[in-house]
Amino acid sequence: MFTGIVETTGTVRSVTETEDGRRLRVSHDFDDLHHGQSINVSGVCLTVERFDDDAFEVFLASETVARTYLGSVVDGDVVNLERALAADGRFDGHLVQGHVDTTATVEAVERVGEDWRYTFALPSEIERYVVAKGSVALDGISLTVAACDAETFDVAIIPTTYDLTSLSEKSPGDPVHVEVDVVAKYVESMLDGYLERIDRPSDPTE
């Protein structure tokens, strides 16, 4: 589990293609990585396979390559990094699983005073989960939806987020990973079950 509070960014050092997927080597400045550790790489929960003082390796299975844009990153690309939340850690963002629901495209980037406003295309499959003032994770960053309609949604980016994450590298046409608030999914599942029960014809023999 993650919080969506990006700790740092890393740079893709190398990419190795295999028959089963893709292996990335990413730079880092963490001091406590270990084998098997979960790490959020631009919104995707991955497992550290190898590491040294300044880089770690993760493997992208074919499913991950198909569902995310990590299948197209190249040497020099910048990615967001967050280690899994410790049981006694401070919880500052929202519940982020690192399970990408879909990708969205940057539609516009506008400077507004000291902040930035990013507009993204809203994929139809997640439209019902994206609401104004609700939470959404974009490339692993916990953000609040500033506005939305049937086709797009906006987020406001403060200077700290802009400076410390890969959003500063994004331009119109670029993809981002989207993970909607898992709480919304649980609520939807519970309501669907409830509505099915109340819509079901009663059995006179019961």
C-alpha atoms as a PDB file:
ATOM      1  CA  MET A   1       0.000   0.000   0.000  1.00  0.00           C
ATOM      2  CA  PHE A   2       1.171   3.509  -0.846  1.00  0.00           C
ATOM      3  CA  THR A   3       0.032   7.038  -0.050  1.00  0.00           C
ATOM      4  CA  GLY A   4       0.632   8.831  -3.319  1.00  0.00           C
ATOM      5  CA  ILE A   5       3.201  11.117  -1.710  1.00  0.00           C
ATOM      6  CA  VAL A   6       6.134  10.762  -4.107  1.00  0.00           C
ATOM      7  CA  GLU A   7       9.443  10.544  -2.258  1.00  0.00           C
ATOM      8  CA  THR A   8      11.749  11.262  -5.160  1.00  0.00           C
ATOM      9  CA  THR A   9      12.212  10.723  -8.861  1.00  0.00           C
ATOM     10  CA  GLY A  10      14.538   8.280 -10.587  1.00  0.00           C
ATOM     11  CA  THR A  11      15.933   8.033 -14.091  1.00  0.00           C
ATOM     12  CA  VAL A  12      15.671   4.926 -16.243  1.00  0.00           C
ATOM     13  CA  ARG A  13      19.268   3.772 -16.664  1.00  0.00           C
ATOM     14  CA  SER A  14      18.686   0.791 -18.945  1.00  0.00           C
ATOM     15  CA  VAL A  15      15.924  -1.316 -20.488  1.00  0.00           C
ATOM     16  CA  THR A  16      16.248  -5.029 -21.223  1.00  0.00           C
ATOM     17  CA  GLU A  17      13.675  -6.841 -23.349  1.00  0.00           C
ATOM     18  CA  THR A  18      12.979 -10.505 -22.557  1.00  0.00           C
ATOM     19  CA  GLU A  19      10.613 -13.149 -23.893  1.00  0.00           C
ATOM     20  CA  ASP A  20       8.388 -12.737 -20.833  1.00  0.00           C
ATOM     21  CA  GLY A  21       8.446  -8.972 -20.373  1.00  0.00           C
ATOM     22  CA  ARG A  22      10.783  -6.097 -19.721  1.00  0.00           C
ATOM     23  CA  ARG A  23      13.408  -5.288 -17.099  1.00  0.00           C
ATOM     24  CA  LEU A  24      14.138  -1.721 -16.007  1.00  0.00           C
ATOM     25  CA  ARG A  25      17.140  -0.411 -14.131  1.00  0.00           C
ATOM     26  CA  VAL A  26      16.261   2.824 -12.329  1.00  0.00           C
ATOM     27  CA  SER A  27      18.456   5.233 -10.374  1.00  0.00           C
ATOM     28  CA  HIS A  28      17.559   5.962  -6.727  1.00  0.00           C
ATOM     29  CA  ASP A  29      18.828   7.710  -3.611  1.00  0.00           C
ATOM     30  CA  PHE A  30      17.166   5.488  -0.993  1.00  0.00           C
ATOM     31  CA  ASP A  31      19.276   4.058   1.816  1.00  0.00           C
ATOM     32  CA  ASP A  32      17.179   1.029   2.787  1.00  0.00           C
ATOM     33  CA  LEU A  33      16.154  -0.913  -0.314  1.00  0.00           C
ATOM     34  CA  HIS A  34      16.066  -4.692  -0.106  1.00  0.00           C
ATOM     35  CA  HIS A  35      15.280  -7.657  -2.325  1.00  0.00           C
ATOM     36  CA  GLY A  36      11.552  -8.275  -2.709  1.00  0.00           C
ATOM     37  CA  GLN A  37      10.548  -4.812  -1.564  1.00  0.00           C
ATOM     38  CA  SER A  38       7.487  -3.218  -3.173  1.00  0.00           C
ATOM     39  CA  ILE A  39       8.080   0.114  -4.859  1.00  0.00           C
ATOM     40  CA  ASN A  40       5.699   2.371  -6.740  1.00  0.00           C
ATOM     41  CA  VAL A  41       7.202   3.395 -10.078  1.00  0.00           C
ATOM     42  CA  SER A  42       5.077   6.156 -11.610  1.00  0.00           C
ATOM     43  CA  GLY A  43       1.935   4.565 -10.235  1.00  0.00           C
ATOM     44  CA  VAL A  44       2.818   0.924 -10.865  1.00  0.00           C
ATOM     45  CA  CYS A  45       3.536  -1.385  -7.920  1.00  0.00           C
ATOM     46  CA  LEU A  46       6.679  -3.369  -8.756  1.00  0.00           C
ATOM     47  CA  THR A  47       9.115  -5.613  -6.889  1.00  0.00           C
ATOM     48  CA  VAL A  48      12.783  -4.846  -6.391  1.00  0.00           C
ATOM     49  CA  GLU A  49      14.760  -7.786  -7.826  1.00  0.00           C
ATOM     50  CA  ARG A  50      18.289  -6.407  -7.616  1.00  0.00           C
ATOM     51  CA  PHE A  51      19.783  -3.214  -6.281  1.00  0.00           C
ATOM     52  CA  ASP A  52      22.978  -1.424  -5.420  1.00  0.00           C
ATOM     53  CA  ASP A  53      23.800   1.955  -3.919  1.00  0.00           C
ATOM     54  CA  ASP A  54      22.471   4.006  -6.793  1.00  0.00           C
ATOM     55  CA  ALA A  55      20.098   1.858  -8.892  1.00  0.00           C
ATOM     56  CA  PHE A  56      17.572  -0.965  -8.640  1.00  0.00           C
ATOM     57  CA  GLU A  57      16.026  -3.400 -11.112  1.00  0.00           C
ATOM     58  CA  VAL A  58      12.369  -4.328 -11.549  1.00  0.00           C
ATOM     59  CA  PHE A  59      10.681  -6.749 -13.938  1.00  0.00           C
ATOM     60  CA  LEU A  60       7.585  -5.859 -15.951  1.00  0.00           C
ATOM     61  CA  ALA A  61       5.489  -8.910 -16.762  1.00  0.00           C
ATOM     62  CA  SER A  62       3.668  -8.967 -20.095  1.00  0.00           C
ATOM     63  CA  GLU A  63       0.408  -7.899 -18.380  1.00  0.00           C
ATOM     64  CA  THR A  64       2.134  -4.830 -16.913  1.00  0.00           C
ATOM     65  CA  VAL A  65       3.650  -3.963 -20.277  1.00  0.00           C
ATOM     66  CA  ALA A  66       0.211  -4.230 -21.902  1.00  0.00           C
ATOM     67  CA  ARG A  67      -1.674  -2.163 -19.306  1.00  0.00           C
ATOM     68  CA  THR A  68       0.834   0.629 -18.650  1.00  0.00           C
ATOM     69  CA  TYR A  69       3.124   2.921 -20.614  1.00  0.00           C
ATOM     70  CA  LEU A  70       6.192   1.475 -18.881  1.00  0.00           C
ATOM     71  CA  GLY A  71       6.442  -0.763 -21.902  1.00  0.00           C
ATOM     72  CA  SER A  72       7.587   2.252 -23.902  1.00  0.00           C
ATOM     73  CA  VAL A  73       9.902   4.084 -21.487  1.00  0.00           C
ATOM     74  CA  VAL A  74      13.508   4.455 -22.608  1.00  0.00           C
ATOM     75  CA  ASP A  75      16.871   5.331 -21.118  1.00  0.00           C
ATOM     76  CA  GLY A  76      16.784   8.807 -19.602  1.00  0.00           C
ATOM     77  CA  ASP A  77      13.046   8.908 -18.842  1.00  0.00           C
ATOM     78  CA  VAL A  78      12.123  10.212 -15.386  1.00  0.00           C
ATOM     79  CA  VAL A  79       9.808   8.186 -13.123  1.00  0.00           C
ATOM     80  CA  ASN A  80       8.207   8.872  -9.739  1.00  0.00           C
ATOM     81  CA  LEU A  81       9.247   6.662  -6.824  1.00  0.00           C
ATOM     82  CA  GLU A  82       7.546   5.825  -3.531  1.00  0.00           C
ATOM     83  CA  ARG A  83       8.341   2.969  -1.184  1.00  0.00           C
ATOM     84  CA  ALA A  84       5.487   1.047   0.430  1.00  0.00           C
ATOM     85  CA  LEU A  85       3.968   2.618   3.541  1.00  0.00           C
ATOM     86  CA  ALA A  86       5.384   1.304   6.803  1.00  0.00           C
ATOM     87  CA  ALA A  87       2.843   0.188   9.416  1.00  0.00           C
ATOM     88  CA  ASP A  88       3.863   3.058  11.690  1.00  0.00           C
ATOM     89  CA  GLY A  89       4.303   5.578   8.884  1.00  0.00           C
ATOM     90  CA  ARG A  90       2.585   8.923   8.518  1.00  0.00           C
ATOM     91  CA  PHE A  91      -0.389   8.799   6.143  1.00  0.00           C
ATOM     92  CA  ASP A  92      -0.529  12.070   4.183  1.00  0.00           C
ATOM     93  CA  GLY A  93      -2.167  11.249   0.834  1.00  0.00           C
ATOM     94  CA  HIS A  94      -4.869   8.661   0.148  1.00  0.00           C
ATOM     95  CA  LEU A  95      -4.948   4.869  -0.267  1.00  0.00           C
ATOM     96  CA  VAL A  96      -2.969   4.033  -3.392  1.00  0.00           C
ATOM     97  CA  GLN A  97      -2.505   0.390  -4.389  1.00  0.00           C
ATOM     98  CA  GLY A  98      -0.220   0.801  -7.373  1.00  0.00           C
ATOM     99  CA  HIS A  99      -2.758  -1.019  -9.550  1.00  0.00           C
ATOM    100  CA  VAL A 100      -3.211   1.077 -12.678  1.00  0.00           C
ATOM    101  CA  ASP A 101      -6.812   1.292 -13.927  1.00  0.00           C
ATOM    102  CA  THR A 102      -6.008   2.957 -17.226  1.00  0.00           C
ATOM    103  CA  THR A 103      -3.898   5.642 -18.860  1.00  0.00           C
ATOM    104  CA  ALA A 104      -5.025   9.168 -19.688  1.00  0.00           C
ATOM    105  CA  THR A 105      -3.551  11.756 -22.022  1.00  0.00           C
ATOM    106  CA  VAL A 106      -2.436  15.231 -21.029  1.00  0.00           C
ATOM    107  CA  GLU A 107      -4.706  17.653 -22.886  1.00  0.00           C
ATOM    108  CA  ALA A 108      -3.373  20.996 -21.635  1.00  0.00           C
ATOM    109  CA  VAL A 109      -0.940  22.537 -19.152  1.00  0.00           C
ATOM    110  CA  GLU A 110      -1.566  26.092 -17.958  1.00  0.00           C
ATOM    111  CA  ARG A 111       0.462  28.247 -15.574  1.00  0.00           C
ATOM    112  CA  VAL A 112      -1.867  29.899 -13.048  1.00  0.00           C
ATOM    113  CA  GLY A 113       0.055  32.287 -10.827  1.00  0.00           C
ATOM    114  CA  GLU A 114       2.619  30.159  -9.000  1.00  0.00           C
ATOM    115  CA  ASP A 115       0.683  26.950  -9.687  1.00  0.00           C
ATOM    116  CA  TRP A 116      -0.101  24.850 -12.758  1.00  0.00           C
ATOM    117  CA  ARG A 117      -3.408  23.465 -13.971  1.00  0.00           C
ATOM    118  CA  TYR A 118      -3.279  20.189 -15.873  1.00  0.00           C
ATOM    119  CA  THR A 119      -6.183  18.956 -17.976  1.00  0.00           C
ATOM    120  CA  PHE A 120      -6.446  15.254 -18.822  1.00  0.00           C
ATOM    121  CA  ALA A 121      -8.707  13.282 -21.124  1.00  0.00           C
ATOM    122  CA  LEU A 122     -11.206  11.283 -19.069  1.00  0.00           C
ATOM    123  CA  PRO A 123     -11.393   7.641 -20.234  1.00  0.00           C
ATOM    124  CA  SER A 124     -14.996   6.434 -20.300  1.00  0.00           C
ATOM    125  CA  GLU A 125     -14.245   3.350 -18.214  1.00  0.00           C
ATOM    126  CA  ILE A 126     -13.367   5.450 -15.146  1.00  0.00           C
ATOM    127  CA  GLU A 127     -15.721   8.394 -15.657  1.00  0.00           C
ATOM    128  CA  ARG A 128     -18.053   7.346 -12.815  1.00  0.00           C
ATOM    129  CA  TYR A 129     -15.176   7.263 -10.306  1.00  0.00           C
ATOM    130  CA  VAL A 130     -13.789  10.736 -11.019  1.00  0.00           C
ATOM    131  CA  VAL A 131     -15.617  13.499  -9.137  1.00  0.00           C
ATOM    132  CA  ALA A 132     -14.806  17.091  -8.254  1.00  0.00           C
ATOM    133  CA  LYS A 133     -12.858  17.285  -4.962  1.00  0.00           C
ATOM    134  CA  GLY A 134     -12.310  13.523  -5.058  1.00  0.00           C
ATOM    135  CA  SER A 135      -8.945  11.784  -4.952  1.00  0.00           C
ATOM    136  CA  VAL A 136      -7.099  10.316  -7.915  1.00  0.00           C
ATOM    137  CA  ALA A 137      -3.559   8.995  -8.352  1.00  0.00           C
ATOM    138  CA  LEU A 138      -1.740  10.151 -11.493  1.00  0.00           C
ATOM    139  CA  ASP A 139       1.627   8.514 -12.126  1.00  0.00           C
ATOM    140  CA  GLY A 140       1.525   7.551  -8.453  1.00  0.00           C
ATOM    141  CA  ILE A 141       0.849  11.108  -7.197  1.00  0.00           C
ATOM    142  CA  SER A 142      -2.081  11.637  -4.842  1.00  0.00           C
ATOM    143  CA  LEU A 143      -4.070  14.548  -6.282  1.00  0.00           C
ATOM    144  CA  THR A 144      -7.457  16.197  -5.890  1.00  0.00           C
ATOM    145  CA  VAL A 145      -9.764  16.602  -8.864  1.00  0.00           C
ATOM    146  CA  ALA A 146     -10.353  20.336  -9.282  1.00  0.00           C
ATOM    147  CA  ALA A 147     -13.038  20.018 -11.953  1.00  0.00           C
ATOM    148  CA  CYS A 148     -14.415  17.429 -14.347  1.00  0.00           C
ATOM    149  CA  ASP A 149     -16.938  16.905 -17.093  1.00  0.00           C
ATOM    150  CA  ALA A 150     -17.850  14.006 -19.357  1.00  0.00           C
ATOM    151  CA  GLU A 151     -14.629  14.263 -21.379  1.00  0.00           C
ATOM    152  CA  THR A 152     -11.880  15.808 -19.225  1.00  0.00           C
ATOM    153  CA  PHE A 153     -10.763  16.438 -15.669  1.00  0.00           C
ATOM    154  CA  ASP A 154      -8.422  19.016 -14.149  1.00  0.00           C
ATOM    155  CA  VAL A 155      -5.973  18.971 -11.258  1.00  0.00           C
ATOM    156  CA  ALA A 156      -4.126  21.885  -9.690  1.00  0.00           C
ATOM    157  CA  ILE A 157      -0.399  21.337  -9.160  1.00  0.00           C
ATOM    158  CA  ILE A 158       1.469  23.305  -6.513  1.00  0.00           C
ATOM    159  CA  PRO A 159       5.144  24.239  -7.053  1.00  0.00           C
ATOM    160  CA  THR A 160       6.437  21.524  -4.693  1.00  0.00           C
ATOM    161  CA  THR A 161       4.617  18.771  -6.593  1.00  0.00           C
ATOM    162  CA  TYR A 162       5.705  20.241  -9.911  1.00  0.00           C
ATOM    163  CA  ASP A 163       9.348  20.410  -8.839  1.00  0.00           C
ATOM    164  CA  LEU A 164       9.569  17.026  -7.072  1.00  0.00           C
ATOM    165  CA  THR A 165       7.684  14.774  -9.508  1.00  0.00           C
ATOM    166  CA  SER A 166       7.763  13.836 -13.163  1.00  0.00           C
ATOM    167  CA  LEU A 167       4.743  16.041 -13.946  1.00  0.00           C
ATOM    168  CA  SER A 168       7.155  18.811 -14.881  1.00  0.00           C
ATOM    169  CA  GLU A 169       8.276  16.536 -17.740  1.00  0.00           C
ATOM    170  CA  LYS A 170       4.746  16.092 -19.117  1.00  0.00           C
ATOM    171  CA  SER A 171       3.370  17.947 -22.136  1.00  0.00           C
ATOM    172  CA  PRO A 172       0.092  17.715 -24.079  1.00  0.00           C
ATOM    173  CA  GLY A 173      -0.144  14.317 -25.730  1.00  0.00           C
ATOM    174  CA  ASP A 174       1.883  12.516 -23.062  1.00  0.00           C
ATOM    175  CA  PRO A 175       0.326   9.600 -21.137  1.00  0.00           C
ATOM    176  CA  VAL A 176      -0.127   9.262 -17.373  1.00  0.00           C
ATOM    177  CA  HIS A 177      -1.163   6.261 -15.318  1.00  0.00           C
ATOM    178  CA  VAL A 178      -4.507   6.654 -13.562  1.00  0.00           C
ATOM    179  CA  GLU A 179      -5.628   4.840 -10.429  1.00  0.00           C
ATOM    180  CA  VAL A 180      -9.024   5.870  -9.107  1.00  0.00           C
ATOM    181  CA  ASP A 181      -9.855   5.931  -5.418  1.00  0.00           C
ATOM    182  CA  VAL A 182     -10.329   2.308  -4.344  1.00  0.00           C
ATOM    183  CA  VAL A 183     -12.907   3.434  -1.752  1.00  0.00           C
ATOM    184  CA  ALA A 184     -15.190   4.462  -4.629  1.00  0.00           C
ATOM    185  CA  LYS A 185     -14.921   0.954  -6.060  1.00  0.00           C
ATOM    186  CA  TYR A 186     -15.849  -0.632  -2.736  1.00  0.00           C
ATOM    187  CA  VAL A 187     -18.858   1.674  -2.374  1.00  0.00           C
ATOM    188  CA  GLU A 188     -19.985   0.844  -5.900  1.00  0.00           C
ATOM    189  CA  SER A 189     -19.650  -2.888  -5.233  1.00  0.00           C
ATOM    190  CA  MET A 190     -21.670  -2.685  -2.021  1.00  0.00           C
ATOM    191  CA  LEU A 191     -24.393  -0.570  -3.649  1.00  0.00           C
ATOM    192  CA  ASP A 192     -24.635  -2.928  -6.623  1.00  0.00           C
ATOM    193  CA  GLY A 193     -25.218  -5.840  -4.263  1.00  0.00           C
ATOM    194  CA  TYR A 194     -27.831  -3.877  -2.316  1.00  0.00           C
ATOM    195  CA  LEU A 195     -29.687  -2.776  -5.464  1.00  0.00           C
ATOM    196  CA  GLU A 196     -29.696  -6.329  -6.788  1.00  0.00           C
ATOM    197  CA  ARG A 197     -31.391  -7.513  -3.590  1.00  0.00           C
ATOM    198  CA  ILE A 198     -34.074  -4.826  -3.535  1.00  0.00           C
ATOM    199  CA  ASP A 199     -34.795  -5.251  -7.264  1.00  0.00           C
ATOM    200  CA  ARG A 200     -35.078  -9.027  -6.996  1.00  0.00           C
ATOM    201  CA  PRO A 201     -38.734 -10.218  -6.933  1.00  0.00           C
ATOM    202  CA  SER A 202     -39.683 -11.541  -3.530  1.00  0.00           C
ATOM    203  CA  ASP A 203     -40.262 -15.271  -3.127  1.00  0.00           C
ATOM    204  CA  PRO A 204     -43.733 -15.854  -1.598  1.00  0.00           C
ATOM    205  CA  THR A 205     -42.530 -19.147  -0.162  1.00  0.00           C
ATOM    206  CA  GLU A 206     -39.871 -17.421   1.964  1.00  0.00           C
END
